[in-house]
């Protein structure tokens, strides 16, 4: 069963992999078993035991019945959780449908609902407007500097 996991170091047995995963994880307040992988960042950067994804290795070891054609989905929404009760296998299409959308952008603005799809907009309009304003200001400064270089005054 362990041979089906891409990137898993071959020296692991099920027992040693189970002990390794438990030794590198801590229990969070929300019930998630959060793993600490090679990277310093959380989430999709968590690889363990060679170059295998920690949640896939945990599914194989703790749950069993792994099908490599399916994806392992986190019901809790925490990408570095390896709690067996929070993991299940889905098709790629079902996994995409199950993803939750965050109600705020990374800068804390409320995201708007797109009238065409009924879902939250992918891009934040407020952040986009601010980025365009900064771009316009940079362009105006470059034009003013170029005019000053050629001896023309900005109007």
Protein backbone atom coordinates (compact mmCIF):
# COMPACT_ATOMS: atom_id res chain seq x y z
CA UNK A 1 0.00 0.00 0.00
CA UNK A 2 2.84 2.42 0.80
CA UNK A 3 4.29 1.88 -2.68
CA UNK A 4 1.31 3.80 -4.15
CA UNK A 5 2.37 7.06 -2.48
CA UNK A 6 4.44 9.22 -4.84
CA UNK A 7 7.69 10.47 -3.34
CA UNK A 8 7.56 8.41 -0.15
CA UNK A 9 10.93 7.26 1.12
CA UNK A 10 11.16 3.48 0.74
CA UNK A 11 12.64 2.78 4.17
CA UNK A 12 9.27 3.37 5.90
CA UNK A 13 6.94 0.64 7.04
CA UNK A 14 3.37 1.39 8.09
CA UNK A 15 4.31 1.34 11.77
CA UNK A 16 7.36 3.58 11.40
CA UNK A 17 5.48 6.02 9.16
CA UNK A 18 2.60 6.19 11.65
CA UNK A 19 5.05 6.94 14.50
CA UNK A 20 6.90 9.50 12.36
CA UNK A 21 3.71 11.37 11.46
CA UNK A 22 2.52 11.44 15.07
CA UNK A 23 5.91 12.65 16.31
CA UNK A 24 5.84 15.62 13.89
CA UNK A 25 2.27 16.71 14.63
CA UNK A 26 0.46 18.62 17.36
CA UNK A 27 -3.20 18.78 18.29
CA UNK A 28 -4.86 22.15 17.60
CA UNK A 29 -7.74 23.63 19.58
CA UNK A 30 -10.21 22.92 16.76
CA UNK A 31 -9.45 19.18 16.81
CA UNK A 32 -7.06 19.16 13.86
CA UNK A 33 -3.84 17.18 14.02
CA UNK A 34 -1.48 19.73 12.44
CA UNK A 35 1.74 18.37 11.01
CA UNK A 36 5.07 20.20 10.84
CA UNK A 37 6.83 19.40 7.59
CA UNK A 38 10.07 20.44 5.95
CA UNK A 39 9.00 23.97 5.02
CA UNK A 40 8.71 26.92 7.37
CA UNK A 41 5.30 27.85 5.95
CA UNK A 42 2.05 26.08 6.71
CA UNK A 43 -0.39 24.52 4.31
CA UNK A 44 0.49 23.15 0.91
CA UNK A 45 4.21 23.37 1.73
CA UNK A 46 4.04 20.45 4.15
CA UNK A 47 5.82 17.45 2.75
CA UNK A 48 7.16 14.64 4.90
CA UNK A 49 8.84 11.29 4.69
CA UNK A 50 10.81 11.92 1.55
CA UNK A 51 8.77 14.13 -0.76
CA UNK A 52 5.31 12.75 -0.05
CA UNK A 53 2.39 14.91 1.02
CA UNK A 54 1.74 14.42 4.72
CA UNK A 55 -2.06 14.19 4.40
CA UNK A 56 -1.84 11.46 1.74
CA UNK A 57 0.62 9.45 3.83
CA UNK A 58 -1.65 9.89 6.87
CA UNK A 59 -4.68 8.72 4.88
CA UNK A 60 -2.85 5.56 3.81
CA UNK A 61 -1.53 4.78 7.27
CA UNK A 62 -4.49 5.75 9.47
CA UNK A 63 -7.53 5.19 7.23
CA UNK A 64 -6.43 2.74 4.53
CA UNK A 65 -8.11 1.90 1.25
CA UNK A 66 -6.16 4.55 -0.68
CA UNK A 67 -6.96 4.92 -4.40
CA UNK A 68 -4.25 6.90 -6.27
CA UNK A 69 -6.81 7.98 -8.90
CA UNK A 70 -8.71 10.01 -6.27
CA UNK A 71 -7.63 13.06 -4.26
CA UNK A 72 -7.50 13.31 -0.47
CA UNK A 73 -9.80 16.11 0.72
CA UNK A 74 -9.68 17.94 4.08
CA UNK A 75 -13.19 18.29 5.53
CA UNK A 76 -11.85 20.79 8.09
CA UNK A 77 -10.34 23.05 5.43
CA UNK A 78 -6.91 23.06 7.11
CA UNK A 79 -4.35 22.04 4.47
CA UNK A 80 -1.78 20.70 6.94
CA UNK A 81 -4.20 18.61 9.00
CA UNK A 82 -3.63 14.86 9.13
CA UNK A 83 -6.50 13.95 11.49
CA UNK A 84 -7.98 10.75 9.99
CA UNK A 85 -11.55 11.85 10.75
CA UNK A 86 -11.01 15.00 8.66
CA UNK A 87 -9.69 13.22 5.54
CA UNK A 88 -11.65 11.51 2.75
CA UNK A 89 -11.08 10.68 -0.88
CA UNK A 90 -12.94 12.47 -3.68
CA UNK A 91 -12.67 12.86 -7.42
CA UNK A 92 -10.94 16.01 -8.65
CA UNK A 93 -14.27 17.58 -9.68
CA UNK A 94 -15.85 16.86 -6.28
CA UNK A 95 -12.75 18.15 -4.50
CA UNK A 96 -12.99 21.45 -6.42
CA UNK A 97 -16.69 21.77 -5.57
CA UNK A 98 -16.02 21.14 -1.87
CA UNK A 99 -13.51 23.98 -1.52
CA UNK A 100 -14.71 26.81 0.64
CA UNK A 101 -14.35 30.40 -0.46
CA UNK A 102 -12.98 32.90 1.98
CA UNK A 103 -15.35 35.81 2.63
CA UNK A 104 -12.49 38.32 2.79
CA UNK A 105 -9.49 38.97 0.54
CA UNK A 106 -5.94 38.79 1.89
CA UNK A 107 -6.08 42.51 2.73
CA UNK A 108 -9.26 42.16 4.78
CA UNK A 109 -11.81 43.59 2.32
CA UNK A 110 -15.21 41.94 2.04
CA UNK A 111 -15.49 40.04 -1.23
CA UNK A 112 -18.48 40.71 -3.48
CA UNK A 113 -20.79 38.16 -5.04
CA UNK A 114 -20.48 37.82 -8.81
CA UNK A 115 -23.94 38.17 -10.35
CA UNK A 116 -23.09 35.82 -13.22
CA UNK A 117 -22.04 32.85 -11.08
CA UNK A 118 -23.62 33.54 -7.68
CA UNK A 119 -20.25 32.87 -6.03
CA UNK A 120 -17.78 35.23 -4.41
CA UNK A 121 -15.65 37.12 -6.91
CA UNK A 122 -12.17 35.74 -7.38
CA UNK A 123 -10.50 39.17 -7.39
CA UNK A 124 -11.21 41.87 -4.84
CA UNK A 125 -12.47 45.02 -6.54
CA UNK A 126 -11.14 47.29 -3.78
CA UNK A 127 -7.62 45.84 -4.04
CA UNK A 128 -7.79 46.03 -7.84
CA UNK A 129 -8.89 49.67 -7.73
CA UNK A 130 -6.08 50.56 -5.32
CA UNK A 131 -3.50 48.75 -7.48
CA UNK A 132 -4.67 50.60 -10.57
CA UNK A 133 -4.47 53.92 -8.72
CA UNK A 134 -0.89 53.18 -7.61
CA UNK A 135 0.00 52.26 -11.22
CA UNK A 136 -1.49 55.53 -12.53
CA UNK A 137 0.47 57.52 -9.95
CA UNK A 138 3.72 55.77 -10.93
CA UNK A 139 3.04 56.44 -14.62
CA UNK A 140 2.28 60.12 -13.96
CA UNK A 141 5.52 60.44 -11.94
CA UNK A 142 7.52 58.85 -14.77
CA UNK A 143 5.95 61.21 -17.34
CA UNK A 144 6.64 64.24 -15.13
CA UNK A 145 10.26 63.12 -14.65
CA UNK A 146 10.72 62.58 -18.39
CA UNK A 147 9.28 66.02 -19.17
CA UNK A 148 11.56 67.63 -16.60
CA UNK A 149 14.54 65.87 -18.15
CA UNK A 150 13.76 67.34 -21.55
CA UNK A 151 13.32 70.83 -20.15
CA UNK A 152 9.55 70.90 -20.51
CA UNK A 153 7.40 71.74 -17.54
CA UNK A 154 4.54 69.47 -16.54
CA UNK A 155 1.14 70.97 -17.06
